[in-house]
Amino acid sequence: MPIDITLPFTPVRIAAMTVSDTRTLADDRSGDALVARLAEAGHILAARAIVRDDVPALIAQLNEWIDDREIDCIISTGGTGVTGRDVTPEAFVAVWDKEIPGFGELFRWLSFATIGTSTVQSRATAGVARGTYLFALPGSTGAVRDGWDGILATQLDSRHRPCNFVELMPRLRER
């Protein structure tokens, strides 16, 4: 997809959330991969947290960041599978105003190239909540690579044509 280098780049203020009962900042490989990619792209790491696989805890962290005007976008890793502890999509649905169904569809399509039919176990999802973008990726570094490199790197680049998420940000709170 084309990047129009004649246009100015607008950095996005991104909060990175790892959803896990076991990871710490010392061993959060998927979170580290996400943070490295967004920084390399020129975006701003606005916040980072590890939140346990618990719907109320996830909703509380999401709401805190959604209400923070210094955060434009939240990207999570982990908790998108089908086991009993995987509850990230349920927390996202509880807070968002609108779903972005194409994100999960495209993520699974891209992921199929690297992990085959195992991609059907992913419930990667996205939406908008009170003017903030929310993207939920699975918790592997490969999933971060597929989601960031294949979708978010361009959609969060203000120079991407024919359109991108950044140019819509001023209008997300319209009624």
C-alpha atoms as a PDB file:
ATOM      1  CA  MET A   1       0.000   0.000   0.000  1.00  0.00           C
ATOM      2  CA  PRO A   2       1.361   3.415  -0.919  1.00  0.00           C
ATOM      3  CA  ILE A   3       2.849   5.840   1.560  1.00  0.00           C
ATOM      4  CA  ASP A   4       2.842   9.399   0.218  1.00  0.00           C
ATOM      5  CA  ILE A   5       6.187  10.718   1.458  1.00  0.00           C
ATOM      6  CA  THR A   6       5.252  14.253   0.406  1.00  0.00           C
ATOM      7  CA  LEU A   7       2.758  14.384   3.293  1.00  0.00           C
ATOM      8  CA  PRO A   8       3.744  15.041   6.930  1.00  0.00           C
ATOM      9  CA  PHE A   9       3.850  12.109   9.353  1.00  0.00           C
ATOM     10  CA  THR A  10       1.617  12.464  12.419  1.00  0.00           C
ATOM     11  CA  PRO A  11       2.738  10.341  15.396  1.00  0.00           C
ATOM     12  CA  VAL A  12      -0.005   8.470  17.237  1.00  0.00           C
ATOM     13  CA  ARG A  13       0.052   8.219  21.052  1.00  0.00           C
ATOM     14  CA  ILE A  14      -0.291   4.497  21.700  1.00  0.00           C
ATOM     15  CA  ALA A  15      -0.848   2.574  24.934  1.00  0.00           C
ATOM     16  CA  ALA A  16       0.460  -1.003  24.876  1.00  0.00           C
ATOM     17  CA  MET A  17      -1.288  -3.588  27.040  1.00  0.00           C
ATOM     18  CA  THR A  18      -0.160  -7.163  27.560  1.00  0.00           C
ATOM     19  CA  VAL A  19      -2.904  -9.442  28.826  1.00  0.00           C
ATOM     20  CA  SER A  20      -1.404 -12.243  30.894  1.00  0.00           C
ATOM     21  CA  ASP A  21      -1.512 -13.938  34.279  1.00  0.00           C
ATOM     22  CA  THR A  22       2.142 -14.974  34.027  1.00  0.00           C
ATOM     23  CA  ARG A  23       4.193 -12.381  32.149  1.00  0.00           C
ATOM     24  CA  THR A  24       6.201  -9.573  33.671  1.00  0.00           C
ATOM     25  CA  LEU A  25       7.990  -6.669  31.990  1.00  0.00           C
ATOM     26  CA  ALA A  26      11.165  -8.769  32.164  1.00  0.00           C
ATOM     27  CA  ASP A  27       9.739 -11.548  29.955  1.00  0.00           C
ATOM     28  CA  ASP A  28       7.043  -9.792  27.916  1.00  0.00           C
ATOM     29  CA  ARG A  29       8.348 -10.620  24.445  1.00  0.00           C
ATOM     30  CA  SER A  30       5.165  -9.747  22.553  1.00  0.00           C
ATOM     31  CA  GLY A  31       4.818  -6.431  24.399  1.00  0.00           C
ATOM     32  CA  ASP A  32       8.470  -5.653  23.701  1.00  0.00           C
ATOM     33  CA  ALA A  33       7.979  -6.475  20.003  1.00  0.00           C
ATOM     34  CA  LEU A  34       4.965  -4.170  19.820  1.00  0.00           C
ATOM     35  CA  VAL A  35       6.718  -1.298  21.627  1.00  0.00           C
ATOM     36  CA  ALA A  36       9.792  -1.635  19.381  1.00  0.00           C
ATOM     37  CA  ARG A  37       7.671  -1.537  16.230  1.00  0.00           C
ATOM     38  CA  LEU A  38       5.613   1.481  17.214  1.00  0.00           C
ATOM     39  CA  ALA A  39       8.731   3.401  18.283  1.00  0.00           C
ATOM     40  CA  GLU A  40      10.551   2.472  15.075  1.00  0.00           C
ATOM     41  CA  ALA A  41       7.567   3.788  13.095  1.00  0.00           C
ATOM     42  CA  GLY A  42       7.833   7.149  14.908  1.00  0.00           C
ATOM     43  CA  HIS A  43       4.833   6.815  17.196  1.00  0.00           C
ATOM     44  CA  ILE A  44       4.749   7.692  20.905  1.00  0.00           C
ATOM     45  CA  LEU A  45       4.458   5.072  23.638  1.00  0.00           C
ATOM     46  CA  ALA A  46       1.916   6.834  25.849  1.00  0.00           C
ATOM     47  CA  ALA A  47       1.562   4.037  28.443  1.00  0.00           C
ATOM     48  CA  ARG A  48       2.343   0.393  28.990  1.00  0.00           C
ATOM     49  CA  ALA A  49       0.823  -2.169  31.342  1.00  0.00           C
ATOM     50  CA  ILE A  50       0.467  -5.862  31.979  1.00  0.00           C
ATOM     51  CA  VAL A  51      -3.081  -6.727  33.010  1.00  0.00           C
ATOM     52  CA  ARG A  52      -4.252 -10.132  34.192  1.00  0.00           C
ATOM     53  CA  ASP A  53      -6.813 -12.180  32.250  1.00  0.00           C
ATOM     54  CA  ASP A  54      -9.816 -10.754  34.105  1.00  0.00           C
ATOM     55  CA  VAL A  55     -12.688  -8.871  32.454  1.00  0.00           C
ATOM     56  CA  PRO A  56     -13.198  -6.274  35.245  1.00  0.00           C
ATOM     57  CA  ALA A  57      -9.446  -5.579  35.435  1.00  0.00           C
ATOM     58  CA  LEU A  58      -9.206  -5.218  31.660  1.00  0.00           C
ATOM     59  CA  ILE A  59     -12.264  -2.961  31.489  1.00  0.00           C
ATOM     60  CA  ALA A  60     -10.853  -0.753  34.254  1.00  0.00           C
ATOM     61  CA  GLN A  61      -7.517  -0.331  32.433  1.00  0.00           C
ATOM     62  CA  LEU A  62      -9.223   0.234  29.088  1.00  0.00           C
ATOM     63  CA  ASN A  63     -11.544   2.879  30.545  1.00  0.00           C
ATOM     64  CA  GLU A  64      -8.648   4.662  32.256  1.00  0.00           C
ATOM     65  CA  TRP A  65      -6.755   4.892  28.980  1.00  0.00           C
ATOM     66  CA  ILE A  66      -9.835   5.689  26.857  1.00  0.00           C
ATOM     67  CA  ASP A  67     -10.573   8.668  29.127  1.00  0.00           C
ATOM     68  CA  ASP A  68      -6.958   9.892  28.919  1.00  0.00           C
ATOM     69  CA  ARG A  69      -6.852  12.538  26.177  1.00  0.00           C
ATOM     70  CA  GLU A  70      -3.105  11.854  25.800  1.00  0.00           C
ATOM     71  CA  ILE A  71      -3.856   8.370  24.390  1.00  0.00           C
ATOM     72  CA  ASP A  72      -5.162   7.986  20.830  1.00  0.00           C
ATOM     73  CA  CYS A  73      -4.945   4.226  20.477  1.00  0.00           C
ATOM     74  CA  ILE A  74      -4.690   1.093  22.630  1.00  0.00           C
ATOM     75  CA  ILE A  75      -3.088  -2.068  21.299  1.00  0.00           C
ATOM     76  CA  SER A  76      -3.204  -5.225  23.383  1.00  0.00           C
ATOM     77  CA  THR A  77      -1.438  -8.545  23.022  1.00  0.00           C
ATOM     78  CA  GLY A  78      -2.801 -11.742  24.521  1.00  0.00           C
ATOM     79  CA  GLY A  79      -6.078 -13.141  25.734  1.00  0.00           C
ATOM     80  CA  THR A  80      -7.683 -13.525  22.302  1.00  0.00           C
ATOM     81  CA  GLY A  81      -7.808 -17.324  22.137  1.00  0.00           C
ATOM     82  CA  VAL A  82     -10.653 -19.678  22.956  1.00  0.00           C
ATOM     83  CA  THR A  83      -9.692 -20.990  26.393  1.00  0.00           C
ATOM     84  CA  GLY A  84     -11.569 -20.092  29.544  1.00  0.00           C
ATOM     85  CA  ARG A  85      -8.993 -17.470  30.590  1.00  0.00           C
ATOM     86  CA  ASP A  86      -8.985 -15.714  27.195  1.00  0.00           C
ATOM     87  CA  VAL A  87     -11.304 -12.748  27.818  1.00  0.00           C
ATOM     88  CA  THR A  88      -9.762  -9.793  25.997  1.00  0.00           C
ATOM     89  CA  PRO A  89     -12.470  -9.608  23.281  1.00  0.00           C
ATOM     90  CA  GLU A  90     -15.201  -9.647  25.944  1.00  0.00           C
ATOM     91  CA  ALA A  91     -13.577  -6.680  27.703  1.00  0.00           C
ATOM     92  CA  PHE A  92     -13.191  -4.782  24.431  1.00  0.00           C
ATOM     93  CA  VAL A  93     -16.842  -5.364  23.480  1.00  0.00           C
ATOM     94  CA  ALA A  94     -17.897  -4.054  26.898  1.00  0.00           C
ATOM     95  CA  VAL A  95     -16.285  -0.648  26.288  1.00  0.00           C
ATOM     96  CA  TRP A  96     -16.382   0.081  22.580  1.00  0.00           C
ATOM     97  CA  ASP A  97     -18.961   2.116  20.715  1.00  0.00           C
ATOM     98  CA  LYS A  98     -18.233   0.609  17.309  1.00  0.00           C
ATOM     99  CA  GLU A  99     -16.569  -2.559  16.122  1.00  0.00           C
ATOM    100  CA  ILE A 100     -14.083  -2.563  13.250  1.00  0.00           C
ATOM    101  CA  PRO A 101     -14.830  -6.090  11.966  1.00  0.00           C
ATOM    102  CA  GLY A 102     -12.417  -5.893   9.041  1.00  0.00           C
ATOM    103  CA  PHE A 103      -9.449  -5.785  11.402  1.00  0.00           C
ATOM    104  CA  GLY A 104     -10.003  -9.286  12.792  1.00  0.00           C
ATOM    105  CA  GLU A 105     -10.906 -10.632   9.377  1.00  0.00           C
ATOM    106  CA  LEU A 106      -7.763  -9.217   7.768  1.00  0.00           C
ATOM    107  CA  PHE A 107      -5.602 -10.303  10.707  1.00  0.00           C
ATOM    108  CA  ARG A 108      -6.744 -13.927  10.347  1.00  0.00           C
ATOM    109  CA  TRP A 109      -6.241 -13.798   6.582  1.00  0.00           C
ATOM    110  CA  LEU A 110      -2.657 -12.521   7.017  1.00  0.00           C
ATOM    111  CA  SER A 111      -1.993 -14.952   9.860  1.00  0.00           C
ATOM    112  CA  PHE A 112      -3.101 -17.889   7.704  1.00  0.00           C
ATOM    113  CA  ALA A 113       0.048 -17.396   5.614  1.00  0.00           C
ATOM    114  CA  THR A 114       2.251 -18.000   8.657  1.00  0.00           C
ATOM    115  CA  ILE A 115       0.307 -20.436  10.875  1.00  0.00           C
ATOM    116  CA  GLY A 116      -2.225 -21.996   8.520  1.00  0.00           C
ATOM    117  CA  THR A 117      -5.593 -23.073   9.828  1.00  0.00           C
ATOM    118  CA  SER A 118      -4.522 -22.442  13.432  1.00  0.00           C
ATOM    119  CA  THR A 119      -5.508 -18.835  12.739  1.00  0.00           C
ATOM    120  CA  VAL A 120      -9.158 -19.770  13.363  1.00  0.00           C
ATOM    121  CA  GLN A 121      -8.302 -19.974  17.074  1.00  0.00           C
ATOM    122  CA  SER A 122      -7.654 -16.211  17.129  1.00  0.00           C
ATOM    123  CA  ARG A 123     -10.333 -13.757  18.161  1.00  0.00           C
ATOM    124  CA  ALA A 124      -8.278 -10.700  17.217  1.00  0.00           C
ATOM    125  CA  THR A 125     -10.624  -7.755  17.190  1.00  0.00           C
ATOM    126  CA  ALA A 126     -10.822  -3.973  17.023  1.00  0.00           C
ATOM    127  CA  GLY A 127     -13.170  -1.109  17.716  1.00  0.00           C
ATOM    128  CA  VAL A 128     -13.544   2.512  18.729  1.00  0.00           C
ATOM    129  CA  ALA A 129     -14.454   3.650  22.245  1.00  0.00           C
ATOM    130  CA  ARG A 130     -15.181   7.308  23.005  1.00  0.00           C
ATOM    131  CA  GLY A 131     -12.786   8.447  20.295  1.00  0.00           C
ATOM    132  CA  THR A 132      -9.968   5.972  21.029  1.00  0.00           C
ATOM    133  CA  TYR A 133      -8.954   3.120  18.757  1.00  0.00           C
ATOM    134  CA  LEU A 134      -8.707  -0.352  20.354  1.00  0.00           C
ATOM    135  CA  PHE A 135      -6.855  -3.242  18.708  1.00  0.00           C
ATOM    136  CA  ALA A 136      -6.523  -6.702  20.294  1.00  0.00           C
ATOM    137  CA  LEU A 137      -3.798  -9.007  18.969  1.00  0.00           C
ATOM    138  CA  PRO A 138      -2.938 -12.525  20.087  1.00  0.00           C
ATOM    139  CA  GLY A 139      -0.047 -12.797  22.536  1.00  0.00           C
ATOM    140  CA  SER A 140       2.739 -14.177  20.348  1.00  0.00           C
ATOM    141  CA  THR A 141       5.517 -12.189  18.718  1.00  0.00           C
ATOM    142  CA  GLY A 142       4.399 -13.644  15.388  1.00  0.00           C
ATOM    143  CA  ALA A 143       0.909 -12.253  15.926  1.00  0.00           C
ATOM    144  CA  VAL A 144       2.362  -8.840  16.759  1.00  0.00           C
ATOM    145  CA  ARG A 145       4.395  -9.018  13.553  1.00  0.00           C
ATOM    146  CA  ASP A 146       1.336 -10.011  11.475  1.00  0.00           C
ATOM    147  CA  GLY A 147      -0.910  -7.385  13.068  1.00  0.00           C
ATOM    148  CA  TRP A 148       1.549  -4.501  13.113  1.00  0.00           C
ATOM    149  CA  ASP A 149       3.486  -5.122   9.918  1.00  0.00           C
ATOM    150  CA  GLY A 150       0.465  -6.262   7.927  1.00  0.00           C
ATOM    151  CA  ILE A 151      -2.188  -3.782   9.106  1.00  0.00           C
ATOM    152  CA  LEU A 152      -1.351  -1.248  11.793  1.00  0.00           C
ATOM    153  CA  ALA A 153       1.939   0.066  10.388  1.00  0.00           C
ATOM    154  CA  THR A 154       0.097   1.499   7.402  1.00  0.00           C
ATOM    155  CA  GLN A 155      -3.311   2.234   8.918  1.00  0.00           C
ATOM    156  CA  LEU A 156      -1.663   4.227  11.732  1.00  0.00           C
ATOM    157  CA  ASP A 157       0.505   6.136   9.232  1.00  0.00           C
ATOM    158  CA  SER A 158      -1.072   9.477   8.313  1.00  0.00           C
ATOM    159  CA  ARG A 159       0.621   9.322   4.903  1.00  0.00           C
ATOM    160  CA  HIS A 160      -0.982   6.029   3.834  1.00  0.00           C
ATOM    161  CA  ARG A 161      -3.235   6.291   0.806  1.00  0.00           C
ATOM    162  CA  PRO A 162      -6.008   6.033  -0.140  1.00  0.00           C
ATOM    163  CA  CYS A 163      -7.048   6.391   3.523  1.00  0.00           C
ATOM    164  CA  ASN A 164      -5.945   5.593   7.069  1.00  0.00           C
ATOM    165  CA  PHE A 165      -7.166   5.555  10.671  1.00  0.00           C
ATOM    166  CA  VAL A 166      -5.177   8.676  11.615  1.00  0.00           C
ATOM    167  CA  GLU A 167      -7.057  11.005   9.301  1.00  0.00           C
ATOM    168  CA  LEU A 168     -10.328   9.868  10.916  1.00  0.00           C
ATOM    169  CA  MET A 169      -9.180  10.567  14.491  1.00  0.00           C
ATOM    170  CA  PRO A 170     -10.531  14.147  14.660  1.00  0.00           C
ATOM    171  CA  ARG A 171     -13.982  12.828  13.699  1.00  0.00           C
ATOM    172  CA  LEU A 172     -14.234   9.814  16.008  1.00  0.00           C
ATOM    173  CA  ARG A 173     -16.216  11.712  18.644  1.00  0.00           C
ATOM    174  CA  GLU A 174     -18.773  13.109  16.182  1.00  0.00           C
ATOM    175  CA  ARG A 175     -22.443  12.562  16.967  1.00  0.00           C
END
